[in-house]
Amino acid sequence: MNAKASFFILLMASGLVMGAEESSAQAQVRKMALFKNGCNWVEMSATLPDASRVRITGMPDALLGTVWWDAASGVRQLEGSSAEVEESVEDYGYADLLMANVGKQVEIFLKKDRRVEGQLLPQVKRDVKGSFLKSGESKDSGVPKIILVQTEDGVQSVAAEDVTGVDFEEMPQLPTRKVMSHVVTAQLEKPNPGTELRFGYVSDSMSWLPEYSLELGEEGMAKLTCRANIINELADMKDVDLRLVSGFPALGEALIDSPLNRAMKLQDFLKRLGFLTEERNVSMRMMSTGMAAPCVAESDDSEDDEGEEGSKQVEDLFCYTLPHFSCEQGKSILRELFSCEVPYSHVYTCRVPNQSMLERLSRQGEPVADVWHCVRLSNASEWAWSTGIVTCTVGGQIAARSTLYFAAPGAETLLRLNKSMQTEVQCSEELLKREERNVPGRRNDSVTVSTFRGAVTLKNGSARAMDLRLVKEVNGLVTSVDREGKINVSPSYSGNPRSTVEWNCTVPPGEEVEVTYTYEYEND
């Protein structure tokens, strides 16, 4: 075998070895579960090439501690790094197109019916500090203002703004630009070509918000329509199994990017970890990676459910399923989820503060609390209602903009419409007696106990009867009430207990209703 043939075979073998050692694979989103706080659980997959090191492209940022992959794929570890990659320029002009095809023959059409034909030349210019920059790398301009063309008569310059069209002798190269990007490389125990690498993680670049419309009809039936506003800043979605999650999980890593994203410096990473620890001490986070994953990790879905929209419950979470969902990155989609008939009833609510609050907030003779016109909605559908803004209409006219609170199927929720302007609530209290009582175990053997009688009066100045839900808060121990009021006492270990009394009654139009209560208060 001669030396030239040996070199050729060696070169081929080297190419095969290099190909087996490192290659790339494009990851595609397969399933997603979106939470309303901007976090989401993403499941992706990529077909592995014949390589032991595979660069995974198309993988968005993952949050700390949330990346998990299928062990059957043979992946041993994932590595994060930064690299210069080329990306397509979407909104390009003639100058961009010409600079992307330097060296090619071109015919340039100019204003005033002029033409230039020749070979495109590269351009070099000097920046303010004296160093040379290639055309297109200037800090103040992405493209040159002058195009140089080698014609038969010499080098001719063309003003970029004068170009009205171009013709190439061969297929032109579309403009691209180089940008620094973080890349993820999978290290395999050995090449595993054709295997589907499946992995999932929590990200924070896609979210959804529910929007409702409620038309209040006659005879206690309303029509509720729910739409999902889906905001996609994560990646291009094509034929994805999407689930919109409603519930109250908790996520500790919601603010922490993964160390695989090398765009984040170590100092910033550690600083955000410290912020997370502080946040955990003062508030409950809204998600948990341990609870997010099961929302889309179900493997026991029946074939009958596949490809159908609907509502599912996973543990304490409710998911709206949207199969075959597609959406480009950077776009928002407003999509109807469901529409259903809803039984409802009118109810008026009023909460009167305790005596110490009334002393600070009101004057003698003034109304002491607002009365709110509400509707009680019964969720008789198979869909959970996620908390969101609702527009309420009556006869096609807007009646309220309010918040519809979460209600599982079979549950009820109260929707506040407007403050009633035709009602008035008064509260008065009188001292009935004051006495000394012996209390064993106290620091002092006896305490002074005052007994008060209170009355709340509601005047209905409207033309409709009011089904009223009245709540009175009391500092002290409520001992008796009228009109079948319900007493709830919360014990206190540093003073008087806190009591609430609830009445449910009907106030006829143009009339008033009075409810009474008595309570005991220990004086200091």
Protein backbone atom coordinates (compact mmCIF):
# COMPACT_ATOMS: atom_id res chain seq x y z
CA MET A 1 0.00 0.00 0.00
CA ASN A 2 1.50 3.37 -0.99
CA ALA A 3 1.90 6.30 1.34
CA LYS A 4 -0.88 8.34 -0.24
CA ALA A 5 -3.44 5.54 0.20
CA SER A 6 -2.26 4.92 3.76
CA PHE A 7 -2.71 8.57 4.60
CA PHE A 8 -6.20 8.54 3.06
CA ILE A 9 -7.28 5.53 5.12
CA LEU A 10 -5.77 7.02 8.27
CA LEU A 11 -7.63 10.26 7.61
CA MET A 12 -10.93 8.40 7.19
CA ALA A 13 -10.34 6.43 10.39
CA SER A 14 -9.51 9.63 12.26
CA GLY A 15 -12.73 11.19 11.01
CA LEU A 16 -14.74 8.21 12.17
CA VAL A 17 -13.11 8.29 15.59
CA MET A 18 -13.68 12.01 15.95
CA GLY A 19 -17.29 11.59 14.92
CA ALA A 20 -17.76 8.85 17.48
CA GLU A 21 -16.22 10.97 20.25
CA GLU A 22 -18.19 14.21 19.90
CA SER A 23 -21.26 15.29 17.96
CA SER A 24 -24.49 17.20 18.52
CA ALA A 25 -28.18 16.42 18.95
CA GLN A 26 -31.19 18.72 18.77
CA ALA A 27 -33.50 18.55 21.79
CA GLN A 28 -37.24 18.95 21.31
CA VAL A 29 -39.87 19.82 23.91
CA ARG A 30 -42.30 16.92 24.36
CA LYS A 31 -44.29 17.73 27.48
CA MET A 32 -44.73 20.79 29.68
CA ALA A 33 -46.56 21.75 32.85
CA LEU A 34 -46.98 25.49 33.43
CA PHE A 35 -47.45 27.12 36.80
CA LYS A 36 -48.93 30.59 37.14
CA ASN A 37 -45.87 32.02 38.91
CA GLY A 38 -43.70 31.72 35.77
CA CYS A 39 -42.09 28.37 36.57
CA ASN A 40 -42.63 25.27 34.49
CA TRP A 41 -41.67 21.62 34.32
CA VAL A 42 -40.22 20.73 30.89
CA GLU A 43 -39.72 17.28 29.42
CA MET A 44 -37.48 17.08 26.34
CA SER A 45 -35.89 14.37 24.22
CA ALA A 46 -33.06 14.10 21.72
CA THR A 47 -31.90 11.22 19.51
CA LEU A 48 -28.29 10.39 20.36
CA PRO A 49 -25.75 10.17 17.50
CA ASP A 50 -22.78 7.79 17.34
CA ALA A 51 -20.65 9.69 19.86
CA SER A 52 -19.51 9.48 23.45
CA ARG A 53 -19.76 13.28 23.89
CA VAL A 54 -22.92 14.92 22.58
CA ARG A 55 -23.63 18.63 22.55
CA ILE A 56 -27.33 19.11 23.35
CA THR A 57 -28.70 22.03 21.34
CA GLY A 58 -32.05 23.71 21.87
CA MET A 59 -32.00 23.21 25.65
CA PRO A 60 -33.26 26.27 27.57
CA ASP A 61 -32.02 27.26 31.02
CA ALA A 62 -32.76 24.89 33.86
CA LEU A 63 -33.11 25.86 37.52
CA LEU A 64 -30.89 24.54 40.27
CA GLY A 65 -31.17 20.87 41.14
CA THR A 66 -33.98 20.10 38.70
CA VAL A 67 -32.31 18.33 35.76
CA TRP A 68 -33.05 14.60 35.60
CA TRP A 69 -32.48 12.22 32.71
CA ASP A 70 -33.28 8.63 31.83
CA ALA A 71 -30.47 6.39 33.09
CA ALA A 72 -31.14 3.88 30.28
CA SER A 73 -29.66 6.34 27.78
CA GLY A 74 -26.15 5.76 29.17
CA VAL A 75 -25.53 9.44 29.99
CA ARG A 76 -23.05 9.72 32.84
CA GLN A 77 -22.94 13.49 33.34
CA LEU A 78 -23.90 16.84 31.84
CA GLU A 79 -21.38 19.63 31.37
CA GLY A 80 -22.11 23.33 31.04
CA SER A 81 -19.89 25.75 29.10
CA SER A 82 -19.95 28.88 26.97
CA ALA A 83 -19.26 28.85 23.23
CA GLU A 84 -19.54 31.11 20.23
CA VAL A 85 -22.37 29.99 18.01
CA GLU A 86 -23.89 31.33 14.82
CA GLU A 87 -27.54 32.28 14.67
CA SER A 88 -29.67 33.42 11.76
CA VAL A 89 -30.48 37.11 11.34
CA GLU A 90 -34.21 37.33 10.82
CA ASP A 91 -34.77 41.01 10.04
CA TYR A 92 -32.01 41.68 7.52
CA GLY A 93 -31.62 44.18 4.67
CA TYR A 94 -29.72 44.30 1.39
CA ALA A 95 -26.49 45.38 3.09
CA ASP A 96 -26.65 42.37 5.47
CA LEU A 97 -27.29 40.01 2.54
CA LEU A 98 -24.41 41.43 0.49
CA MET A 99 -21.92 41.20 3.37
CA ALA A 100 -22.91 37.57 3.97
CA ASN A 101 -21.88 36.72 0.38
CA VAL A 102 -18.47 38.36 0.05
CA GLY A 103 -16.55 36.89 -2.91
CA LYS A 104 -19.62 36.00 -4.97
CA GLN A 105 -20.66 37.51 -8.28
CA VAL A 106 -23.60 39.86 -7.93
CA GLU A 107 -25.65 42.37 -9.86
CA ILE A 108 -26.80 45.28 -7.70
CA PHE A 109 -29.76 47.42 -8.73
CA LEU A 110 -29.66 51.03 -7.54
CA LYS A 111 -31.89 54.07 -7.51
CA LYS A 112 -32.34 56.07 -10.72
CA ASP A 113 -32.14 52.86 -12.80
CA ARG A 114 -28.42 52.34 -12.16
CA ARG A 115 -26.74 48.93 -11.91
CA VAL A 116 -23.38 47.58 -10.74
CA GLU A 117 -22.10 44.10 -11.63
CA GLY A 118 -19.06 42.38 -10.20
CA GLN A 119 -17.55 40.53 -7.22
CA LEU A 120 -18.31 41.54 -3.65
CA LEU A 121 -15.22 42.59 -1.69
CA PRO A 122 -14.56 42.34 2.06
CA GLN A 123 -14.22 45.66 3.84
CA VAL A 124 -11.93 46.88 6.59
CA LYS A 125 -12.20 50.14 8.50
CA ARG A 126 -10.43 51.82 11.38
CA ASP A 127 -12.14 52.46 14.72
CA VAL A 128 -11.60 55.54 16.88
CA LYS A 129 -8.64 53.96 18.72
CA GLY A 130 -6.77 53.13 15.53
CA SER A 131 -7.27 49.35 15.44
CA PHE A 132 -8.87 47.68 12.43
CA LEU A 133 -12.27 46.07 12.55
CA LYS A 134 -13.94 43.91 9.97
CA SER A 135 -17.02 45.45 8.45
CA GLY A 136 -20.08 44.76 10.56
CA GLU A 137 -18.18 44.78 13.89
CA SER A 138 -18.42 48.50 14.47
CA LYS A 139 -19.91 49.42 17.82
CA ASP A 140 -22.22 52.04 16.30
CA SER A 141 -23.38 50.12 13.24
CA GLY A 142 -24.13 46.47 12.51
CA VAL A 143 -23.70 46.81 8.72
CA PRO A 144 -21.51 49.00 6.52
CA LYS A 145 -22.87 52.07 4.80
CA ILE A 146 -20.65 51.50 1.74
CA ILE A 147 -20.49 48.28 -0.33
CA LEU A 148 -17.33 47.60 -2.38
CA VAL A 149 -17.63 45.76 -5.68
CA GLN A 150 -14.79 44.60 -7.97
CA THR A 151 -15.99 45.40 -11.50
CA GLU A 152 -14.24 45.08 -14.86
CA ASP A 153 -13.29 48.76 -14.63
CA GLY A 154 -12.00 48.61 -11.04
CA VAL A 155 -13.36 48.86 -7.51
CA GLN A 156 -16.67 50.67 -7.25
CA SER A 157 -18.41 51.81 -4.07
CA VAL A 158 -22.15 51.63 -3.58
CA ALA A 159 -24.15 53.41 -0.88
CA ALA A 160 -26.16 50.85 1.06
CA GLU A 161 -29.25 53.08 1.18
CA ASP A 162 -29.29 53.28 -2.64
CA VAL A 163 -29.68 49.51 -3.15
CA THR A 164 -33.13 48.52 -4.44
CA GLY A 165 -32.42 44.89 -5.40
CA VAL A 166 -29.73 42.24 -5.94
CA ASP A 167 -29.23 39.21 -8.23
CA PHE A 168 -26.73 36.41 -7.50
CA GLU A 169 -25.33 33.91 -9.99
CA GLU A 170 -25.70 31.17 -7.37
CA MET A 171 -27.81 30.58 -4.26
CA PRO A 172 -26.82 33.26 -1.73
CA GLN A 173 -25.89 32.62 1.90
CA LEU A 174 -28.42 34.07 4.34
CA PRO A 175 -27.00 36.45 6.97
CA THR A 176 -25.86 35.05 10.31
CA ARG A 177 -24.16 36.50 13.35
CA LYS A 178 -21.94 35.06 16.06
CA VAL A 179 -23.12 35.23 19.64
CA MET A 180 -21.88 33.77 22.90
CA SER A 181 -24.23 31.10 24.20
CA HIS A 182 -24.18 28.53 26.97
CA VAL A 183 -24.09 24.94 25.75
CA VAL A 184 -24.76 21.64 27.49
CA THR A 185 -22.69 18.56 26.64
CA ALA A 186 -23.72 15.03 27.61
CA GLN A 187 -20.94 12.60 28.51
CA LEU A 188 -21.89 8.97 27.78
CA GLU A 189 -20.33 5.80 29.08
CA LYS A 190 -20.09 4.69 25.45
CA PRO A 191 -21.69 5.70 22.14
CA ASN A 192 -25.36 4.77 22.07
CA PRO A 193 -26.58 5.78 18.59
CA GLY A 194 -30.31 5.95 17.93
CA THR A 195 -31.24 5.97 21.63
CA GLU A 196 -33.77 8.54 22.73
CA LEU A 197 -32.34 10.67 25.54
CA ARG A 198 -35.23 11.89 27.69
CA PHE A 199 -34.72 14.47 30.39
CA GLY A 200 -36.76 16.95 32.40
CA TYR A 201 -36.12 20.07 34.44
CA VAL A 202 -37.73 23.15 35.94
CA SER A 203 -37.37 26.42 34.06
CA ASP A 204 -38.79 29.92 34.48
CA SER A 205 -39.44 31.27 30.99
CA MET A 206 -43.04 30.31 30.36
CA SER A 207 -46.25 30.90 32.30
CA TRP A 208 -50.01 31.15 32.01
CA LEU A 209 -52.81 33.20 33.48
CA PRO A 210 -56.54 32.40 33.53
CA GLU A 211 -59.10 34.95 32.39
CA TYR A 212 -62.83 34.51 32.97
CA SER A 213 -66.09 35.98 31.72
CA LEU A 214 -69.30 35.40 33.68
CA GLU A 215 -72.72 36.20 32.21
CA LEU A 216 -75.35 36.25 34.97
CA GLY A 217 -78.58 34.93 33.47
CA GLU A 218 -82.06 34.51 34.87
CA GLU A 219 -83.37 31.83 37.23
CA GLY A 220 -80.06 31.38 39.04
CA MET A 221 -77.95 30.12 36.10
CA ALA A 222 -74.84 31.80 34.71
CA LYS A 223 -72.41 31.01 31.89
CA LEU A 224 -68.75 30.88 32.84
CA THR A 225 -66.06 30.91 30.14
CA CYS A 226 -62.35 30.45 30.92
CA ARG A 227 -59.49 31.40 28.64
CA ALA A 228 -55.78 30.77 29.20
CA ASN A 229 -53.27 33.50 28.39
CA ILE A 230 -50.09 31.52 27.63
CA ILE A 231 -46.80 33.47 27.49
CA ASN A 232 -43.88 31.68 25.82
CA GLU A 233 -40.36 33.02 26.32
CA LEU A 234 -38.79 29.56 26.58
CA ALA A 235 -38.47 27.87 23.17
CA ASP A 236 -40.39 27.03 20.03
CA MET A 237 -43.22 24.62 20.80
CA LYS A 238 -44.46 22.14 18.19
CA ASP A 239 -46.98 19.41 18.91
CA VAL A 240 -46.32 19.55 22.68
CA ASP A 241 -48.42 17.88 25.37
CA LEU A 242 -49.13 20.98 27.47
CA ARG A 243 -50.70 21.07 30.93
CA LEU A 244 -51.71 24.23 32.75
CA VAL A 245 -51.45 23.64 36.48
CA SER A 246 -53.68 25.12 39.16
CA GLY A 247 -52.87 24.60 42.83
CA PHE A 248 -50.64 25.72 45.67
CA PRO A 249 -47.26 23.92 45.58
CA ALA A 250 -43.96 25.46 46.82
CA LEU A 251 -40.66 25.87 44.89
CA GLY A 252 -37.44 26.67 46.71
CA GLU A 253 -35.31 26.96 43.56
CA ALA A 254 -37.62 29.38 41.71
CA LEU A 255 -34.98 32.12 41.67
CA ILE A 256 -31.82 30.08 41.08
CA ASP A 257 -30.42 29.35 37.63
CA SER A 258 -28.59 26.09 37.12
CA PRO A 259 -24.78 26.03 37.28
CA LEU A 260 -24.99 24.46 33.80
CA ASN A 261 -25.70 28.00 32.58
CA ARG A 262 -22.15 29.37 32.43
CA ALA A 263 -23.46 32.86 31.73
CA MET A 264 -23.91 33.20 35.48
CA LYS A 265 -20.78 33.96 37.47
CA LEU A 266 -20.00 31.99 40.62
CA GLN A 267 -20.33 35.06 42.83
CA ASP A 268 -23.83 35.81 41.49
CA PHE A 269 -24.79 32.16 41.87
CA LEU A 270 -23.76 32.08 45.54
CA LYS A 271 -25.44 35.41 46.18
CA ARG A 272 -28.73 34.12 44.84
CA LEU A 273 -28.40 31.01 46.96
CA GLY A 274 -28.12 33.26 50.01
CA PHE A 275 -31.18 35.22 48.92
CA LEU A 276 -33.10 31.96 48.60
CA THR A 277 -32.22 30.98 52.17
CA GLU A 278 -33.48 34.34 53.42
CA GLU A 279 -36.69 34.02 51.44
CA ARG A 280 -37.35 30.58 52.91
CA ASN A 281 -37.25 32.06 56.38
CA VAL A 282 -39.85 34.75 55.72
CA SER A 283 -42.30 33.35 53.18
CA MET A 284 -43.59 30.20 51.57
CA ARG A 285 -42.39 29.62 48.04
CA MET A 286 -44.95 28.85 45.37
CA MET A 287 -43.54 25.65 43.88
CA SER A 288 -41.49 22.59 44.68
CA THR A 289 -39.52 20.52 42.23
CA GLY A 290 -40.64 17.41 44.01
CA MET A 291 -44.27 18.31 43.36
CA ALA A 292 -43.87 19.86 39.92
CA ALA A 293 -42.50 16.79 38.18
CA PRO A 294 -45.45 14.42 38.74
CA CYS A 295 -47.75 16.81 36.89
CA VAL A 296 -46.40 15.63 33.55
CA ALA A 297 -44.57 12.47 34.58
CA GLU A 298 -47.68 10.32 34.65
CA SER A 299 -47.11 7.08 32.78
CA ASP A 300 -50.49 5.51 33.38
CA ASP A 301 -52.59 7.73 31.14
CA SER A 302 -55.13 5.68 29.26
CA GLU A 303 -55.19 5.69 25.48
CA ASP A 304 -58.71 7.07 25.59
CA ASP A 305 -57.41 10.32 27.10
CA GLU A 306 -54.64 10.79 24.56
CA GLY A 307 -55.19 13.73 22.23
CA GLU A 308 -58.19 15.08 24.17
CA GLU A 309 -58.48 18.31 26.07
CA GLY A 310 -59.74 18.06 29.62
CA SER A 311 -59.04 18.47 33.31
CA LYS A 312 -57.00 16.04 35.44
CA GLN A 313 -56.09 15.89 39.09
CA VAL A 314 -52.58 14.89 40.19
CA GLU A 315 -52.31 14.72 43.98
CA ASP A 316 -53.48 18.18 45.14
CA LEU A 317 -52.96 19.84 41.76
CA PHE A 318 -55.40 20.26 38.88
CA CYS A 319 -54.14 20.27 35.29
CA TYR A 320 -55.83 21.56 32.14
CA THR A 321 -54.54 19.35 29.32
CA LEU A 322 -53.86 20.83 25.87
CA PRO A 323 -52.47 18.14 23.53
CA HIS A 324 -50.69 19.00 20.27
CA PHE A 325 -49.93 22.55 21.42
CA SER A 326 -47.72 24.72 19.19
CA CYS A 327 -46.37 28.22 19.84
CA GLU A 328 -43.25 30.06 18.69
CA GLN A 329 -40.85 31.54 21.23
CA GLY A 330 -41.62 35.16 22.05
CA LYS A 331 -45.35 34.85 21.34
CA SER A 332 -48.45 34.79 23.53
CA ILE A 333 -51.57 32.78 22.88
CA LEU A 334 -55.06 33.38 24.26
CA ARG A 335 -56.97 30.09 24.14
CA GLU A 336 -60.38 29.07 25.44
CA LEU A 337 -60.23 26.23 27.96
CA PHE A 338 -63.86 25.57 28.76
CA SER A 339 -67.35 27.02 29.01
CA CYS A 340 -70.01 25.75 31.40
CA GLU A 341 -73.35 26.52 33.03
CA VAL A 342 -73.00 27.61 36.67
CA PRO A 343 -75.70 27.72 39.37
CA TYR A 344 -75.49 30.94 41.39
CA SER A 345 -77.30 32.90 44.06
CA HIS A 346 -77.08 36.50 45.25
CA VAL A 347 -75.72 37.14 48.72
CA TYR A 348 -74.69 40.30 50.58
CA THR A 349 -71.77 40.18 52.98
CA CYS A 350 -70.66 42.49 55.76
CA ARG A 351 -67.83 42.17 58.29
CA VAL A 352 -67.97 44.48 61.32
CA PRO A 353 -64.59 44.98 63.08
CA ASN A 354 -64.02 44.49 66.81
CA GLN A 355 -64.63 47.25 69.33
CA SER A 356 -61.06 48.56 69.44
CA MET A 357 -60.98 48.93 65.63
CA LEU A 358 -64.37 50.66 65.62
CA GLU A 359 -63.12 53.24 68.11
CA ARG A 360 -60.28 54.16 65.77
CA LEU A 361 -62.11 54.00 62.44
CA SER A 362 -65.58 55.43 63.07
CA ARG A 363 -67.41 58.29 64.68
CA GLN A 364 -70.69 58.24 66.58
CA GLY A 365 -73.61 57.70 64.20
CA GLU A 366 -71.52 56.87 61.14
CA PRO A 367 -71.83 53.57 59.24
CA VAL A 368 -69.28 51.11 60.61
CA ALA A 369 -68.80 48.66 57.70
CA ASP A 370 -69.37 48.19 53.98
CA VAL A 371 -71.89 45.77 52.54
CA TRP A 372 -70.74 43.91 49.43
CA HIS A 373 -73.02 42.46 46.80
CA CYS A 374 -71.65 38.99 45.94
CA VAL A 375 -72.73 35.89 44.07
CA ARG A 376 -72.18 32.39 45.39
CA LEU A 377 -71.08 30.12 42.53
CA SER A 378 -71.32 26.33 42.58
CA ASN A 379 -68.78 24.47 40.45
CA ALA A 380 -70.95 21.77 38.93
CA SER A 381 -68.49 21.16 36.06
CA GLU A 382 -65.59 18.72 35.72
CA TRP A 383 -63.10 21.58 35.51
CA ALA A 384 -61.31 23.16 38.45
CA TRP A 385 -61.53 26.95 38.57
CA SER A 386 -58.10 28.52 38.99
CA THR A 387 -57.82 31.91 40.67
CA GLY A 388 -57.97 34.69 38.10
CA ILE A 389 -59.60 37.93 36.98
CA VAL A 390 -63.24 37.71 35.91
CA THR A 391 -65.40 40.13 33.93
CA CYS A 392 -69.03 39.88 35.03
CA THR A 393 -71.87 40.98 32.74
CA VAL A 394 -75.64 41.19 33.07
CA GLY A 395 -77.69 41.40 29.87
CA GLY A 396 -74.52 42.09 27.92
CA GLN A 397 -73.61 45.09 30.12
CA ILE A 398 -70.53 45.00 32.35
CA ALA A 399 -71.45 44.70 36.03
CA ALA A 400 -68.10 44.06 37.72
CA ARG A 401 -64.42 43.22 37.38
CA SER A 402 -63.36 41.00 40.23
CA THR A 403 -61.32 37.96 41.27
CA LEU A 404 -62.65 34.45 40.91
CA TYR A 405 -61.05 32.27 43.57
CA PHE A 406 -60.06 28.63 43.23
CA ALA A 407 -62.85 26.08 43.39
CA ALA A 408 -62.46 22.36 42.76
CA PRO A 409 -65.29 20.45 41.06
CA GLY A 410 -68.22 20.21 43.46
CA ALA A 411 -67.05 23.14 45.60
CA GLU A 412 -68.40 26.67 46.02
CA THR A 413 -66.73 30.07 45.84
CA LEU A 414 -67.88 33.59 46.63
CA LEU A 415 -67.43 36.26 43.95
CA ARG A 416 -67.52 39.86 45.15
CA LEU A 417 -69.23 42.17 42.64
CA ASN A 418 -69.77 45.69 43.96
CA LYS A 419 -70.22 47.63 47.17
CA SER A 420 -73.87 48.18 47.94
CA MET A 421 -74.62 51.91 47.99
CA GLN A 422 -78.17 51.51 49.34
CA THR A 423 -77.39 49.92 52.69
CA GLU A 424 -76.23 51.20 56.06
CA VAL A 425 -74.73 49.27 59.00
CA GLN A 426 -74.67 50.62 62.56
CA CYS A 427 -73.15 49.04 65.67
CA SER A 428 -73.71 50.00 69.31
CA GLU A 429 -72.64 48.49 72.64
CA GLU A 430 -73.66 49.11 76.26
CA LEU A 431 -72.14 47.99 79.56
CA LEU A 432 -74.47 45.67 81.45
CA LYS A 433 -72.38 44.98 84.56
CA ARG A 434 -68.86 44.82 85.97
CA GLU A 435 -67.81 42.30 88.62
CA GLU A 436 -64.80 40.80 90.34
CA ARG A 437 -64.18 37.09 89.81
CA ASN A 438 -61.78 34.65 91.43
CA VAL A 439 -59.53 32.89 88.90
CA PRO A 440 -57.33 30.15 90.40
CA GLY A 441 -53.81 30.00 89.01
CA ARG A 442 -53.66 33.65 88.02
CA ARG A 443 -50.96 35.97 89.28
CA ASN A 444 -53.75 37.90 90.96
CA ASP A 445 -56.48 35.87 92.64
CA SER A 446 -59.26 37.94 91.06
CA VAL A 447 -59.94 39.82 87.79
CA THR A 448 -62.49 42.44 86.76
CA VAL A 449 -64.92 41.16 84.13
CA SER A 450 -67.18 43.54 82.20
CA THR A 451 -70.27 42.25 80.43
CA PHE A 452 -71.43 44.11 77.30
CA ARG A 453 -74.49 43.88 75.13
CA GLY A 454 -74.03 44.76 71.46
CA ALA A 455 -76.37 45.30 68.53
CA VAL A 456 -75.73 45.51 64.79
CA THR A 457 -78.44 47.10 62.65
CA LEU A 458 -78.58 46.82 58.86
CA LYS A 459 -80.92 49.02 56.82
CA ASN A 460 -81.85 47.82 53.32
CA GLY A 461 -82.65 50.83 51.16
CA SER A 462 -82.77 48.88 47.90
CA ALA A 463 -85.77 47.50 46.04
CA ARG A 464 -84.67 43.86 46.38
CA ALA A 465 -84.55 41.49 49.32
CA MET A 466 -81.06 40.87 50.64
CA ASP A 467 -79.79 37.47 51.71
CA LEU A 468 -77.27 38.70 54.26
CA ARG A 469 -74.15 37.05 55.68
CA LEU A 470 -73.08 39.23 58.61
CA VAL A 471 -69.91 38.63 60.63
CA LYS A 472 -69.09 40.52 63.84
CA GLU A 473 -65.62 40.37 65.39
CA VAL A 474 -65.29 40.76 69.16
CA ASN A 475 -62.36 41.09 71.55
CA GLY A 476 -63.67 38.96 74.39
CA LEU A 477 -65.76 35.86 75.05
CA VAL A 478 -69.16 35.94 73.31
CA THR A 479 -71.68 34.24 75.64
CA SER A 480 -74.99 34.59 73.78
CA VAL A 481 -76.45 35.63 70.41
CA ASP A 482 -79.90 35.84 68.84
CA ARG A 483 -81.29 34.80 65.41
CA GLU A 484 -79.37 31.51 65.50
CA GLY A 485 -76.00 33.18 65.19
CA LYS A 486 -72.95 30.93 65.13
CA ILE A 487 -70.16 31.62 67.63
CA ASN A 488 -66.50 30.83 67.02
CA VAL A 489 -63.94 31.51 69.78
CA SER A 490 -60.16 31.54 69.30
CA PRO A 491 -58.36 31.22 72.65
CA SER A 492 -55.62 33.63 73.57
CA TYR A 493 -52.81 32.98 76.04
CA SER A 494 -52.06 36.64 76.67
CA GLY A 495 -55.41 38.30 77.29
CA ASN A 496 -59.00 38.14 76.09
CA PRO A 497 -60.01 35.53 73.52
CA ARG A 498 -61.08 36.55 70.04
CA SER A 499 -64.63 35.74 69.01
CA THR A 500 -66.58 35.95 65.77
CA VAL A 501 -70.31 35.64 65.33
CA GLU A 502 -71.94 34.86 61.99
CA TRP A 503 -75.60 35.46 61.12
CA ASN A 504 -77.39 34.46 57.94
CA CYS A 505 -80.72 36.19 57.44
CA THR A 506 -82.91 37.92 54.86
CA VAL A 507 -83.54 41.67 54.96
CA PRO A 508 -86.76 42.68 53.09
CA PRO A 509 -86.56 45.69 50.76
CA GLY A 510 -86.90 49.03 52.56
CA GLU A 511 -86.65 47.45 56.02
CA GLU A 512 -83.99 46.88 58.65
CA VAL A 513 -82.76 43.92 60.71
CA GLU A 514 -81.10 44.03 64.13
CA VAL A 515 -78.98 41.26 65.62
CA THR A 516 -77.70 41.22 69.20
CA TYR A 517 -74.92 39.57 71.17
CA THR A 518 -73.39 39.67 74.65
CA TYR A 519 -69.77 39.16 75.59
CA GLU A 520 -67.44 39.27 78.57
CA TYR A 521 -64.24 41.29 78.63
CA GLU A 522 -61.47 40.96 81.23
CA ASN A 523 -60.04 44.35 82.18
CA ASP A 524 -56.32 44.65 82.74
